Amino acid sequence: MYPIVDFRGVVMSYACVIELFMLDGAKWEELMLRRDRIHSSQGRGSRHLKSEKGGSMRTFFLSSALGALIAASTVVTAAAADKAKVFLSMSYIGNDWQAEAANTVRAMALSKDLKDKIDLEVQVAGPNAQKQIQQINAMVQAGAKAIVVYPISPTALNLVVRNACSKGVHIFTYDAEITELCAHNVHIDQKEAGTKAAQWLADRLGGKGNIVYLSGVPGTSTDTLRTEGSMEVFAKYPEIKVVAQTPGMWSQAVTRTEMSKVLATRDWKDIDGVLGQAGCFTIFSMQDEAGIPDDQKKPCSGEGSNGHRIQMLPLDAAVDGANGSYRPMAAPSFSYASPPVSAAYALKLAAKAIEGQEIPHDVIVPLPEITNENVKICLEGSFEEMKSGCNVFQPSIITNPGWFAEIFNAETPEIGLNAALTGQPEF
């Protein structure tokens, strides 16, 4: 184990030594006289070096100091070299889910089991497959041992991933998938998520009614599979009509924009329910703004933002910090989730792969299914509390209602509420 060295201090010390080298003889003499006065006042005697010897002694002194600093910086370099280089490659980041996912990865990298094993670097490509390909190529050239990636496409990255694998780099995706067989995908069953959300809504509506569907980020395997599962369910009910379908981009803000466009051409009374891959908090909030009473709100089935699950709580539920539409309203809903913590789990598995453990191509994460019957407030947000079944957090703690509440995974005890919020692990 290498000792911990503050590299900033090393850099500053280098600067000081270089400055001392630049002193002329008179200034060096003055510096030594000042030191002698301090030694005399402390009863330590004179150690003043005469100017005729100052040149050689100064060279000796400064050379020794510089040598010590070089040794210190070598320790820093050696410590970094001892860690495996791991990258996080993110694509679309315009929603709360991805911010949480990145925080959980950072927290996992800082956990006691990984902090001395991996050196993490985060890069963002945006919704641009070509840029993500370029970044992954650069990561491989930079000596990556593993890359954790949110792929913008299930197939566009196959060639660059295959190339990375051929060079011994382990590729792990989270939430979305890559079809290249050498990659490892960590995700829920996305088609099952779309199927169950749609089935709940169909059952709630008695198999008939007008539905608005807010999908996710187009082109991703996540969106494609969820949509496929949902539409297969609706196809079984001739009296269910999808009267509007638009991408919600897994964003509360985009959901509001797109739903406002829908409501510009039809009224709430013409809509019986909403299926949203994300955005149910906004859907219930917009019904609030339209003056629809809580007991008459149209159902919304979708993913698990904290605001959405707070709205699902009984009207008399005691919560701290409730305000506006961010409050319990017994909103009729089904909340599944693709937990952001899957990103941290992918990093944990990548570290195991680097050490030689065999990891399957697909690692399926359990699908959380939250209804009005099992939604439960968390008081602290520790891993142990979430393990006991709580699944939504106080508004006084999570002030952003779009923040995703599902951060529990039995395989990641390092990750609790603080990890998702600040990037700091439980241990």
Protein backbone atom coordinates (compact mmCIF):
# COMPACT_ATOMS: atom_id res chain seq x y z
CA MET A 1 0.00 0.00 0.00
CA TYR A 2 1.39 3.39 -0.96
CA PRO A 3 1.23 6.33 1.49
CA ILE A 4 -1.21 9.09 0.66
CA VAL A 5 0.49 12.18 -0.74
CA ASP A 6 -1.23 15.48 -1.54
CA PHE A 7 0.03 16.10 -5.05
CA ARG A 8 -0.96 19.77 -4.86
CA GLY A 9 1.52 20.18 -2.01
CA VAL A 10 4.22 18.50 -4.09
CA VAL A 11 3.59 20.90 -6.96
CA MET A 12 3.69 23.91 -4.63
CA SER A 13 6.93 22.65 -3.05
CA TYR A 14 8.53 22.27 -6.47
CA ALA A 15 7.70 25.89 -7.11
CA CYS A 16 9.34 26.92 -3.81
CA VAL A 17 12.54 24.98 -4.57
CA ILE A 18 12.78 26.49 -8.03
CA GLU A 19 12.32 29.95 -6.53
CA LEU A 20 15.18 29.28 -4.07
CA PHE A 21 17.44 28.23 -6.93
CA MET A 22 16.77 31.61 -8.55
CA LEU A 23 18.01 33.61 -5.51
CA ASP A 24 21.27 35.51 -6.05
CA GLY A 25 24.11 35.34 -3.51
CA ALA A 26 23.06 38.41 -1.51
CA LYS A 27 19.49 37.23 -1.10
CA TRP A 28 20.68 33.75 -0.12
CA GLU A 29 22.97 35.34 2.52
CA GLU A 30 20.04 37.35 3.89
CA LEU A 31 17.89 34.21 4.07
CA MET A 32 20.59 32.36 6.03
CA LEU A 33 21.06 35.28 8.46
CA ARG A 34 17.34 35.28 9.22
CA ARG A 35 17.50 31.58 9.92
CA ASP A 36 20.49 32.08 12.29
CA ARG A 37 18.60 34.68 14.31
CA ILE A 38 15.75 32.20 14.78
CA HIS A 39 18.16 29.45 15.84
CA SER A 40 19.91 31.82 18.31
CA SER A 41 16.63 32.89 19.88
CA GLN A 42 15.80 29.25 20.40
CA GLY A 43 19.19 28.51 21.94
CA ARG A 44 20.21 26.30 19.06
CA GLY A 45 23.38 28.15 18.10
CA SER A 46 24.49 29.57 14.78
CA ARG A 47 24.31 27.54 11.64
CA HIS A 48 25.03 30.40 9.27
CA LEU A 49 26.87 29.34 6.14
CA LYS A 50 29.36 31.87 4.89
CA SER A 51 28.86 33.25 1.42
CA GLU A 52 32.06 31.73 0.15
CA LYS A 53 30.61 28.33 0.98
CA GLY A 54 27.01 29.28 0.26
CA GLY A 55 27.16 28.32 -3.37
CA SER A 56 28.14 24.70 -2.81
CA MET A 57 26.07 24.30 0.35
CA ARG A 58 23.08 25.88 -1.31
CA THR A 59 23.41 23.50 -4.22
CA PHE A 60 23.65 20.58 -1.83
CA PHE A 61 20.66 21.76 0.20
CA LEU A 62 18.45 22.49 -2.77
CA SER A 63 19.44 19.35 -4.62
CA SER A 64 18.51 17.30 -1.58
CA ALA A 65 15.16 19.08 -1.29
CA LEU A 66 14.43 18.61 -4.96
CA GLY A 67 15.37 14.95 -4.72
CA ALA A 68 12.94 14.47 -1.84
CA LEU A 69 10.18 16.12 -3.83
CA ILE A 70 10.88 13.95 -6.87
CA ALA A 71 10.65 10.89 -4.64
CA ALA A 72 7.34 12.12 -3.23
CA SER A 73 5.90 12.71 -6.68
CA THR A 74 7.13 9.28 -7.74
CA VAL A 75 5.03 7.80 -4.93
CA VAL A 76 1.98 9.66 -6.27
CA THR A 77 2.66 8.42 -9.80
CA ALA A 78 3.25 4.87 -8.62
CA ALA A 79 0.06 4.90 -6.55
CA ALA A 80 -1.98 6.03 -9.57
CA ALA A 81 -0.30 3.47 -11.80
CA ASP A 82 -1.18 0.76 -9.30
CA LYS A 83 -4.91 1.40 -9.87
CA ALA A 84 -6.89 0.09 -12.84
CA LYS A 85 -8.04 2.84 -15.19
CA VAL A 86 -11.84 2.74 -15.51
CA PHE A 87 -14.04 5.13 -17.50
CA LEU A 88 -17.72 6.02 -17.25
CA SER A 89 -19.07 6.83 -20.72
CA MET A 90 -22.40 8.64 -20.57
CA SER A 91 -24.63 9.54 -23.51
CA TYR A 92 -27.83 11.54 -22.94
CA ILE A 93 -27.70 13.28 -19.53
CA GLY A 94 -30.66 15.67 -19.71
CA ASN A 95 -32.61 14.13 -16.84
CA ASP A 96 -32.38 13.48 -13.10
CA TRP A 97 -31.95 9.74 -13.56
CA GLN A 98 -28.57 10.03 -15.26
CA ALA A 99 -27.28 12.50 -12.66
CA GLU A 100 -28.13 10.01 -9.92
CA ALA A 101 -26.59 7.14 -11.85
CA ALA A 102 -23.33 9.08 -12.18
CA ASN A 103 -23.36 9.88 -8.44
CA THR A 104 -23.78 6.21 -7.53
CA VAL A 105 -20.85 5.28 -9.79
CA ARG A 106 -18.65 7.89 -8.12
CA ALA A 107 -19.72 6.60 -4.71
CA MET A 108 -18.93 3.01 -5.65
CA ALA A 109 -15.49 4.09 -6.87
CA LEU A 110 -14.87 5.67 -3.45
CA SER A 111 -16.10 2.67 -1.46
CA LYS A 112 -13.61 0.94 0.81
CA ASP A 113 -13.31 -2.10 -1.46
CA LEU A 114 -12.64 -0.15 -4.67
CA LYS A 115 -10.97 3.15 -3.75
CA ASP A 116 -7.48 1.62 -3.84
CA LYS A 117 -8.19 -0.54 -6.89
CA ILE A 118 -9.64 1.74 -9.57
CA ASP A 119 -9.06 5.22 -10.95
CA LEU A 120 -12.38 6.51 -12.34
CA GLU A 121 -12.82 9.12 -15.07
CA VAL A 122 -16.21 10.33 -16.38
CA GLN A 123 -16.88 11.47 -19.95
CA VAL A 124 -20.13 12.59 -21.60
CA ALA A 125 -20.84 12.13 -25.31
CA GLY A 126 -24.43 13.38 -25.38
CA PRO A 127 -27.00 11.76 -27.71
CA ASN A 128 -24.38 11.30 -30.41
CA ALA A 129 -23.32 7.76 -31.24
CA GLN A 130 -20.31 8.85 -33.32
CA LYS A 131 -18.94 10.98 -30.50
CA GLN A 132 -19.41 8.14 -28.04
CA ILE A 133 -17.53 5.83 -30.42
CA GLN A 134 -14.66 8.32 -30.61
CA GLN A 135 -14.52 8.67 -26.85
CA ILE A 136 -14.49 4.92 -26.28
CA ASN A 137 -11.64 4.54 -28.78
CA ALA A 138 -9.70 7.21 -26.89
CA MET A 139 -10.42 5.47 -23.58
CA VAL A 140 -8.97 2.24 -24.91
CA GLN A 141 -5.87 4.07 -26.15
CA ALA A 142 -5.52 5.72 -22.73
CA GLY A 143 -5.14 2.32 -21.11
CA ALA A 144 -8.64 1.59 -19.87
CA LYS A 145 -9.08 -1.74 -18.11
CA ALA A 146 -12.87 -1.38 -18.07
CA ILE A 147 -15.50 1.01 -19.44
CA VAL A 148 -18.95 1.42 -17.89
CA VAL A 149 -21.24 2.86 -20.54
CA TYR A 150 -24.78 4.09 -21.09
CA PRO A 151 -25.08 3.33 -24.83
CA ILE A 152 -27.08 5.67 -27.01
CA SER A 153 -27.76 2.73 -29.36
CA PRO A 154 -27.83 -1.05 -28.88
CA THR A 155 -25.95 -1.67 -32.14
CA ALA A 156 -24.03 1.48 -33.17
CA LEU A 157 -21.27 0.82 -30.65
CA ASN A 158 -20.76 -2.85 -31.50
CA LEU A 159 -17.61 -2.41 -33.60
CA VAL A 160 -15.83 -0.14 -31.12
CA VAL A 161 -16.86 -2.43 -28.26
CA ARG A 162 -15.56 -5.48 -30.11
CA ASN A 163 -12.26 -3.69 -30.68
CA ALA A 164 -12.04 -2.78 -26.98
CA CYS A 165 -12.72 -6.36 -25.94
CA SER A 166 -9.99 -7.61 -28.28
CA LYS A 167 -7.54 -5.44 -26.34
CA GLY A 168 -8.62 -6.87 -23.00
CA VAL A 169 -10.95 -4.05 -21.99
CA HIS A 170 -14.10 -5.09 -20.10
CA ILE A 171 -17.28 -3.31 -21.28
CA PHE A 172 -20.28 -3.01 -18.93
CA THR A 173 -23.51 -1.21 -19.80
CA TYR A 174 -26.20 -0.09 -17.37
CA ASP A 175 -29.95 0.19 -18.02
CA ALA A 176 -29.62 0.19 -21.82
CA GLU A 177 -27.99 -2.68 -23.71
CA ILE A 178 -25.36 -3.44 -26.34
CA THR A 179 -25.91 -6.49 -28.54
CA GLU A 180 -22.19 -7.22 -28.99
CA LEU A 181 -21.66 -10.51 -27.12
CA CYS A 182 -18.39 -9.53 -25.44
CA ALA A 183 -20.17 -6.72 -23.55
CA HIS A 184 -21.95 -7.18 -20.23
CA ASN A 185 -25.40 -5.60 -19.78
CA VAL A 186 -26.73 -4.71 -16.30
CA HIS A 187 -30.44 -3.89 -16.50
CA ILE A 188 -34.00 -4.67 -15.56
CA ASP A 189 -36.12 -6.61 -18.03
CA GLN A 190 -37.17 -3.53 -20.00
CA LYS A 191 -39.90 -5.29 -21.98
CA GLU A 192 -41.36 -6.66 -18.75
CA ALA A 193 -41.39 -3.11 -17.34
CA GLY A 194 -43.33 -1.80 -20.33
CA THR A 195 -45.67 -4.79 -20.21
CA LYS A 196 -46.50 -4.52 -16.51
CA ALA A 197 -47.01 -0.76 -16.59
CA ALA A 198 -49.39 -1.04 -19.53
CA GLN A 199 -51.24 -4.01 -18.02
CA TRP A 200 -51.83 -2.14 -14.76
CA LEU A 201 -53.30 0.80 -16.68
CA ALA A 202 -55.47 -1.45 -18.86
CA ASP A 203 -56.80 -3.21 -15.78
CA ARG A 204 -57.44 0.10 -14.00
CA LEU A 205 -59.44 1.36 -16.98
CA GLY A 206 -61.41 -1.85 -17.35
CA GLY A 207 -59.93 -2.54 -20.78
CA LYS A 208 -61.20 0.61 -22.50
CA GLY A 209 -60.38 4.29 -22.74
CA ASN A 210 -58.20 6.95 -24.38
CA ILE A 211 -54.53 6.85 -23.40
CA VAL A 212 -51.64 9.26 -23.85
CA TYR A 213 -48.25 7.55 -24.09
CA LEU A 214 -45.04 9.43 -23.16
CA SER A 215 -42.09 7.32 -24.25
CA GLY A 216 -38.37 7.71 -23.41
CA VAL A 217 -35.23 8.58 -25.38
CA PRO A 218 -35.76 7.35 -28.97
CA GLY A 219 -33.23 4.87 -30.31
CA THR A 220 -32.20 3.42 -26.97
CA SER A 221 -32.88 -0.24 -26.29
CA THR A 222 -34.63 0.82 -23.08
CA ASP A 223 -37.23 2.88 -24.91
CA THR A 224 -37.64 0.38 -27.74
CA LEU A 225 -38.24 -2.61 -25.47
CA ARG A 226 -40.59 -0.79 -23.08
CA THR A 227 -42.66 0.52 -25.97
CA GLU A 228 -42.79 -2.94 -27.54
CA GLY A 229 -44.06 -4.48 -24.29
CA SER A 230 -46.67 -1.77 -23.74
CA MET A 231 -48.07 -1.83 -27.26
CA GLU A 232 -48.42 -5.62 -27.18
CA VAL A 233 -50.63 -5.23 -24.10
CA PHE A 234 -52.79 -2.47 -25.61
CA ALA A 235 -53.20 -4.52 -28.79
CA LYS A 236 -55.20 -7.04 -26.75
CA TYR A 237 -57.83 -4.40 -25.90
CA PRO A 238 -59.71 -3.10 -28.98
CA GLU A 239 -61.40 -0.42 -26.90
CA ILE A 240 -58.14 1.09 -25.66
CA LYS A 241 -57.00 3.90 -27.95
CA VAL A 242 -53.56 5.53 -27.81
CA VAL A 243 -54.73 8.99 -28.83
CA ALA A 244 -51.30 10.62 -28.53
CA GLN A 245 -47.75 9.30 -28.40
CA THR A 246 -44.74 11.54 -27.88
CA PRO A 247 -41.20 11.21 -26.42
CA GLY A 248 -40.98 12.38 -22.82
CA MET A 249 -37.18 11.85 -22.76
CA TRP A 250 -37.44 10.55 -19.14
CA SER A 251 -37.65 14.19 -18.08
CA GLN A 252 -40.28 16.04 -16.04
CA ALA A 253 -39.62 19.26 -17.99
CA VAL A 254 -40.00 17.57 -21.38
CA THR A 255 -43.10 15.75 -20.14
CA ARG A 256 -44.71 19.10 -19.30
CA THR A 257 -43.86 20.53 -22.71
CA GLU A 258 -45.15 17.50 -24.63
CA MET A 259 -48.29 17.07 -22.51
CA SER A 260 -49.09 20.77 -22.97
CA LYS A 261 -49.01 20.17 -26.72
CA VAL A 262 -51.45 17.28 -26.32
CA LEU A 263 -53.78 19.38 -24.17
CA ALA A 264 -53.74 22.13 -26.76
CA THR A 265 -55.90 19.92 -28.99
CA ARG A 266 -57.92 17.93 -26.45
CA ASP A 267 -59.24 18.33 -22.89
CA TRP A 268 -58.53 16.25 -19.79
CA LYS A 269 -62.09 14.94 -20.03
CA ASP A 270 -61.08 13.31 -23.34
CA ILE A 271 -58.19 11.45 -21.68
CA ASP A 272 -58.77 8.44 -19.43
CA GLY A 273 -55.21 7.61 -18.45
CA VAL A 274 -51.52 8.24 -19.12
CA LEU A 275 -48.65 5.81 -19.58
CA GLY A 276 -45.33 7.54 -19.04
CA GLN A 277 -41.88 5.98 -18.97
CA ALA A 278 -41.20 8.95 -16.69
CA GLY A 279 -43.25 12.02 -15.84
CA CYS A 280 -46.22 10.85 -13.77
CA PHE A 281 -45.38 13.50 -11.15
CA THR A 282 -45.88 16.15 -13.81
CA ILE A 283 -49.06 14.49 -15.09
CA PHE A 284 -50.69 14.60 -11.65
CA SER A 285 -49.37 18.15 -11.08
CA MET A 286 -50.93 19.35 -14.33
CA GLN A 287 -54.23 17.81 -13.27
CA ASP A 288 -53.91 19.71 -10.00
CA GLU A 289 -53.34 22.92 -11.95
CA ALA A 290 -56.42 22.15 -14.04
CA GLY A 291 -58.53 21.97 -10.86
CA ILE A 292 -59.17 18.22 -10.97
CA PRO A 293 -59.88 16.98 -7.41
CA ASP A 294 -57.70 14.24 -5.95
CA ASP A 295 -60.51 11.68 -5.99
CA GLN A 296 -61.09 12.31 -9.72
CA LYS A 297 -57.53 12.33 -10.99
CA LYS A 298 -56.83 10.24 -14.09
CA PRO A 299 -54.43 7.34 -13.45
CA CYS A 300 -50.83 7.46 -14.56
CA SER A 301 -48.56 4.43 -14.81
CA GLY A 302 -44.83 4.90 -15.12
CA GLU A 303 -41.40 5.16 -13.57
CA GLY A 304 -40.46 6.05 -10.04
CA SER A 305 -39.65 9.71 -9.38
CA ASN A 306 -39.82 10.74 -5.74
CA GLY A 307 -42.57 13.26 -6.45
CA HIS A 308 -44.64 10.60 -8.18
CA ARG A 309 -44.41 8.22 -5.22
CA ILE A 310 -45.16 10.97 -2.69
CA GLN A 311 -48.34 11.67 -4.69
CA MET A 312 -49.22 7.97 -4.45
CA LEU A 313 -49.25 8.06 -0.62
CA PRO A 314 -52.61 8.20 1.22
CA LEU A 315 -54.08 11.67 1.70
CA ASP A 316 -53.48 11.50 5.46
CA ALA A 317 -49.84 10.35 5.19
CA ALA A 318 -47.52 12.39 7.37
CA VAL A 319 -44.60 13.74 5.34
CA ASP A 320 -42.14 16.55 6.00
CA GLY A 321 -41.78 19.32 3.45
CA ALA A 322 -44.86 18.62 1.32
CA ASN A 323 -45.90 21.61 -0.79
CA GLY A 324 -47.99 22.38 -3.86
CA SER A 325 -48.49 19.23 -5.91
CA TYR A 326 -45.50 17.61 -4.19
CA ARG A 327 -47.79 16.09 -1.58
CA PRO A 328 -49.76 12.92 -0.79
CA MET A 329 -52.91 12.76 -2.92
CA ALA A 330 -53.64 9.00 -3.19
CA ALA A 331 -52.95 9.40 -6.90
CA PRO A 332 -53.96 6.16 -8.69
CA SER A 333 -50.71 4.81 -10.03
CA PHE A 334 -48.25 2.03 -10.71
CA SER A 335 -44.56 2.89 -10.33
CA TYR A 336 -41.92 0.57 -11.70
CA ALA A 337 -38.29 1.63 -11.91
CA SER A 338 -34.99 1.01 -13.59
CA PRO A 339 -32.85 1.80 -10.55
CA PRO A 340 -30.05 4.33 -11.22
CA VAL A 341 -27.93 2.25 -8.85
CA SER A 342 -27.56 -0.26 -11.69
CA ALA A 343 -24.72 1.98 -12.87
CA ALA A 344 -22.86 1.47 -9.60
CA TYR A 345 -23.55 -2.26 -9.76
CA ALA A 346 -22.05 -2.31 -13.26
CA LEU A 347 -18.87 -0.69 -11.92
CA LYS A 348 -18.70 -3.20 -9.08
CA LEU A 349 -18.99 -6.07 -11.56
CA ALA A 350 -16.40 -4.45 -13.83
CA ALA A 351 -13.92 -4.41 -10.95
CA LYS A 352 -14.55 -8.11 -10.42
CA ALA A 353 -14.01 -8.78 -14.13
CA ILE A 354 -10.68 -6.95 -14.00
CA GLU A 355 -9.67 -9.34 -11.20
CA GLY A 356 -10.52 -12.31 -13.41
CA GLN A 357 -14.05 -13.24 -12.33
CA GLU A 358 -16.45 -14.49 -14.98
CA ILE A 359 -19.50 -12.24 -15.49
CA PRO A 360 -22.45 -13.24 -17.74
CA HIS A 361 -23.45 -11.24 -20.80
CA ASP A 362 -26.73 -10.16 -19.18
CA VAL A 363 -27.12 -9.37 -15.49
CA ILE A 364 -30.83 -8.87 -14.81
CA VAL A 365 -31.72 -6.51 -11.96
CA PRO A 366 -35.05 -7.18 -10.15
CA LEU A 367 -37.94 -4.99 -11.33
CA PRO A 368 -39.43 -2.89 -8.49
CA GLU A 369 -43.24 -2.74 -8.64
CA ILE A 370 -44.78 -0.06 -6.42
CA THR A 371 -48.52 0.54 -6.10
CA ASN A 372 -50.73 2.58 -3.79
CA GLU A 373 -50.76 -0.46 -1.50
CA ASN A 374 -47.00 -0.86 -0.93
CA VAL A 375 -45.58 2.65 -1.31
CA LYS A 376 -43.69 3.40 1.94
CA ILE A 377 -41.85 6.47 3.21
CA CYS A 378 -38.16 6.24 4.19
CA LEU A 379 -37.05 8.17 7.27
CA GLU A 380 -33.27 8.00 6.81
CA GLY A 381 -32.48 6.46 3.45
CA SER A 382 -29.81 4.05 4.64
CA PHE A 383 -29.23 0.81 2.77
CA GLU A 384 -30.63 -1.20 5.68
CA GLU A 385 -33.82 0.88 5.80
CA MET A 386 -34.39 0.50 2.07
CA LYS A 387 -33.73 -3.21 2.42
CA SER A 388 -36.68 -3.33 4.84
CA GLY A 389 -39.03 -2.05 2.13
CA CYS A 390 -39.22 1.75 2.12
CA ASN A 391 -39.22 3.26 -1.36
CA VAL A 392 -39.85 7.02 -1.25
CA PHE A 393 -38.16 9.90 0.61
CA GLN A 394 -39.36 12.95 2.54
CA PRO A 395 -39.78 16.10 0.39
CA SER A 396 -37.81 17.95 3.07
CA ILE A 397 -34.81 15.78 2.14
CA ILE A 398 -35.46 15.41 -1.60
CA THR A 399 -36.55 18.87 -2.66
CA ASN A 400 -36.48 17.96 -6.35
CA PRO A 401 -39.63 15.91 -7.09
CA GLY A 402 -38.13 14.63 -10.35
CA TRP A 403 -35.36 12.84 -8.44
CA PHE A 404 -35.68 9.06 -8.81
CA ALA A 405 -36.55 7.24 -5.61
CA GLU A 406 -35.55 3.68 -6.52
CA ILE A 407 -31.90 3.42 -5.42
CA PHE A 408 -31.94 0.02 -3.73
CA ASN A 409 -30.09 -3.02 -5.00
CA ALA A 410 -29.37 -5.93 -2.67
CA GLU A 411 -25.93 -6.33 -4.31
CA THR A 412 -24.80 -2.77 -3.56
CA PRO A 413 -24.80 -2.16 0.22
CA GLU A 414 -22.26 0.61 -0.46
CA ILE A 415 -25.05 2.75 -1.95
CA GLY A 416 -27.63 4.62 0.11
CA LEU A 417 -29.41 7.94 -0.14
CA ASN A 418 -26.23 9.95 0.43
CA ALA A 419 -24.51 8.18 -2.46
CA ALA A 420 -27.27 9.11 -4.90
CA LEU A 421 -27.30 12.70 -3.68
CA THR A 422 -23.61 13.50 -3.21
CA GLY A 423 -21.54 10.63 -4.61
CA GLN A 424 -20.38 9.46 -1.17
CA PRO A 425 -20.64 5.76 -0.24
CA GLU A 426 -22.17 4.20 2.87
CA PHE A 427 -18.74 2.73 3.62
